[in-house]
N, C-alpha and C. Protein backbone atom coordinates (compact mmCIF):
# COMPACT_ATOMS: atom_id res chain seq x y z
N UNK A 1 30.52 -15.92 -4.51
CA UNK A 1 30.81 -14.22 -4.54
C UNK A 1 29.93 -13.87 -4.46
N UNK A 2 28.75 -13.76 -2.86
CA UNK A 2 27.91 -13.52 -2.82
C UNK A 2 27.37 -12.37 -2.85
N UNK A 3 28.81 -11.35 -2.59
CA UNK A 3 28.18 -9.84 -2.18
C UNK A 3 28.88 -9.47 -3.75
N UNK A 4 29.22 -10.12 -5.00
CA UNK A 4 30.11 -8.87 -6.24
C UNK A 4 28.30 -8.19 -6.44
N UNK A 5 29.01 -7.14 -7.23
CA UNK A 5 27.48 -5.72 -7.53
C UNK A 5 26.65 -7.21 -8.83
N UNK A 6 27.36 -7.83 -9.26
CA UNK A 6 25.88 -8.69 -10.10
C UNK A 6 25.08 -9.18 -9.44
N UNK A 7 25.52 -9.55 -8.26
CA UNK A 7 24.49 -10.31 -7.55
C UNK A 7 24.04 -9.82 -6.59
N UNK A 8 24.21 -8.55 -6.61
CA UNK A 8 23.29 -7.23 -5.78
C UNK A 8 22.20 -6.78 -6.59
N UNK A 9 22.99 -6.97 -7.77
CA UNK A 9 21.20 -6.21 -8.38
C UNK A 9 20.44 -7.05 -9.03
N UNK A 10 20.94 -7.86 -9.07
CA UNK A 10 19.94 -9.69 -9.39
C UNK A 10 19.40 -9.31 -8.20
N UNK A 11 19.65 -9.36 -7.04
CA UNK A 11 19.01 -9.68 -5.47
C UNK A 11 18.13 -8.20 -5.95
N UNK A 12 18.41 -7.26 -6.10
CA UNK A 12 17.82 -5.92 -6.26
C UNK A 12 16.67 -6.35 -7.37
N UNK A 13 16.72 -6.43 -8.18
CA UNK A 13 15.42 -6.26 -9.37
C UNK A 13 14.37 -7.33 -8.90
N UNK A 14 14.77 -8.55 -8.06
CA UNK A 14 13.98 -9.57 -7.59
C UNK A 14 13.18 -9.48 -6.43
N UNK A 15 13.41 -7.94 -5.74
CA UNK A 15 13.08 -7.39 -5.04
C UNK A 15 12.30 -5.73 -4.79
N UNK A 16 12.42 -5.77 -6.28
CA UNK A 16 11.26 -4.44 -6.42
C UNK A 16 10.03 -5.41 -6.33
N UNK A 17 9.42 -3.97 -6.14
CA UNK A 17 8.04 -3.88 -5.75
C UNK A 17 7.36 -4.11 -6.84
N UNK A 18 5.61 -4.55 -6.30
CA UNK A 18 5.13 -4.26 -7.76
C UNK A 18 4.55 -3.63 -7.97
N UNK A 19 4.77 -2.72 -7.48
CA UNK A 19 4.09 -1.09 -7.99
C UNK A 19 5.20 -0.20 -8.68
N UNK A 20 6.38 -0.56 -8.45
CA UNK A 20 7.57 -0.13 -9.44
C UNK A 20 8.15 -0.88 -10.83
N UNK A 21 7.59 -2.07 -10.88
CA UNK A 21 7.46 -2.76 -11.62
C UNK A 21 5.98 -2.36 -13.12
N UNK A 22 5.24 -1.69 -11.70
CA UNK A 22 3.71 -1.86 -13.27
C UNK A 22 4.35 0.07 -12.98
N UNK A 23 4.44 0.63 -12.25
CA UNK A 23 4.72 2.26 -12.82
C UNK A 23 5.38 1.89 -13.60
N UNK A 24 6.51 1.38 -13.75
CA UNK A 24 7.42 2.02 -14.68
C UNK A 24 6.95 1.64 -16.03
N UNK A 25 6.16 0.51 -16.61
CA UNK A 25 5.87 0.34 -17.91
C UNK A 25 3.85 1.58 -17.99
N UNK A 26 3.98 2.13 -17.39
CA UNK A 26 3.00 2.89 -17.35
C UNK A 26 3.04 4.00 -18.69
N UNK A 27 1.22 4.37 -18.90
CA UNK A 27 2.10 5.54 -19.95
C UNK A 27 2.05 6.85 -19.48
N UNK A 28 1.47 6.64 -18.21
CA UNK A 28 1.02 7.71 -17.03
C UNK A 28 2.83 8.77 -16.94
N UNK A 29 2.67 9.52 -17.71
CA UNK A 29 4.52 10.19 -17.38
C UNK A 29 4.37 10.61 -15.90
N UNK A 30 3.55 11.05 -14.85
CA UNK A 30 4.12 10.96 -13.24
C UNK A 30 4.16 9.67 -12.59
N UNK A 31 3.60 8.49 -12.69
CA UNK A 31 3.97 7.47 -12.44
C UNK A 31 5.03 6.91 -12.76
N UNK A 32 5.05 7.39 -13.87
CA UNK A 32 6.11 6.40 -14.39
C UNK A 32 8.21 7.59 -14.00
N UNK A 33 7.73 8.80 -13.69
CA UNK A 33 8.37 9.57 -12.82
C UNK A 33 8.92 9.30 -11.80
N UNK A 34 7.36 8.41 -10.98
CA UNK A 34 8.06 7.85 -9.66
C UNK A 34 8.80 7.28 -9.35
N UNK A 35 8.43 5.55 -10.33
CA UNK A 35 8.60 4.48 -10.32
C UNK A 35 10.38 4.82 -11.12
N UNK A 36 11.24 5.63 -11.57
CA UNK A 36 11.93 6.22 -12.16
C UNK A 36 13.04 6.41 -10.91
N UNK A 37 12.23 7.15 -10.39
CA UNK A 37 13.40 8.75 -8.87
C UNK A 37 13.33 7.41 -7.88
N UNK A 38 12.63 6.26 -7.76
CA UNK A 38 12.94 5.95 -7.22
C UNK A 38 13.68 3.93 -7.10
N UNK A 39 13.88 3.46 -8.47
CA UNK A 39 14.79 2.75 -9.03
C UNK A 39 16.34 3.39 -8.85
N UNK A 40 16.29 4.63 -9.26
CA UNK A 40 17.04 5.38 -9.53
C UNK A 40 18.25 5.15 -7.83
N UNK A 41 17.20 5.61 -6.76
CA UNK A 41 17.70 5.61 -5.29
C UNK A 41 18.07 4.44 -4.54
N UNK A 42 17.02 3.51 -5.32
CA UNK A 42 17.79 1.80 -4.72
C UNK A 42 19.51 1.10 -5.85
N UNK A 43 19.53 2.06 -6.82
CA UNK A 43 20.45 1.22 -7.41
C UNK A 43 21.73 2.05 -7.05
N UNK A 44 21.69 3.79 -6.82
CA UNK A 44 22.53 4.97 -6.36
C UNK A 44 23.72 3.94 -5.65
N UNK A 45 23.31 2.83 -4.25
CA UNK A 45 24.30 2.58 -3.89
C UNK A 45 25.05 1.30 -3.92
N UNK A 46 24.21 0.69 -4.86
CA UNK A 46 25.62 -0.68 -5.74
C UNK A 46 26.54 0.35 -6.49
N UNK A 47 25.67 1.54 -7.14
CA UNK A 47 26.68 2.14 -8.04
C UNK A 47 27.75 2.73 -7.88
N UNK A 48 27.42 2.97 -6.47
CA UNK A 48 28.68 4.11 -5.73
C UNK A 48 29.32 3.31 -5.14
N UNK A 49 29.59 2.06 -4.95
CA UNK A 49 30.34 0.50 -4.33
C UNK A 49 29.47 -0.12 -3.36
N UNK A 50 28.72 -0.44 -3.24
CA UNK A 50 27.82 -1.04 -2.30
C UNK A 50 27.83 -1.43 -1.42
N UNK A 51 28.57 0.34 -0.74
CA UNK A 51 28.83 0.02 1.10
C UNK A 51 27.93 0.30 1.78
N UNK A 52 26.65 1.06 1.28
CA UNK A 52 25.63 1.34 1.58
C UNK A 52 24.52 0.54 1.76
N UNK A 53 24.89 -0.41 0.30
CA UNK A 53 23.38 -1.30 0.21
C UNK A 53 23.28 -2.35 1.15
N UNK A 54 23.07 -1.89 2.72
CA UNK A 54 23.03 -3.59 3.02
C UNK A 54 24.19 -3.84 4.45
N UNK A 55 25.24 -2.96 4.30
CA UNK A 55 26.63 -3.07 5.03
C UNK A 55 26.91 -2.13 5.92
N UNK A 56 26.65 -2.24 7.11
CA UNK A 56 26.87 -1.80 8.16
C UNK A 56 28.62 -1.38 8.50
N UNK A 57 28.95 -0.19 8.53
CA UNK A 57 31.26 -0.17 9.28
C UNK A 57 30.84 -0.42 10.29
N UNK A 58 30.18 -1.12 10.97
CA UNK A 58 30.32 -1.73 12.44
C UNK A 58 31.31 -2.47 12.90
């Protein structure tokens, strides 16, 4: 079941840019907040049901 939420989440985590990974661990609050906001934006389609995460209603 490649389209399951679990496999989509694993795929998203594998594709995270290095800057997000570094900034999530940063001691600089503004860098960490930027990374958290970016990760939030990437996760929301998965949480909302995944219909906006790579599938067109075409």
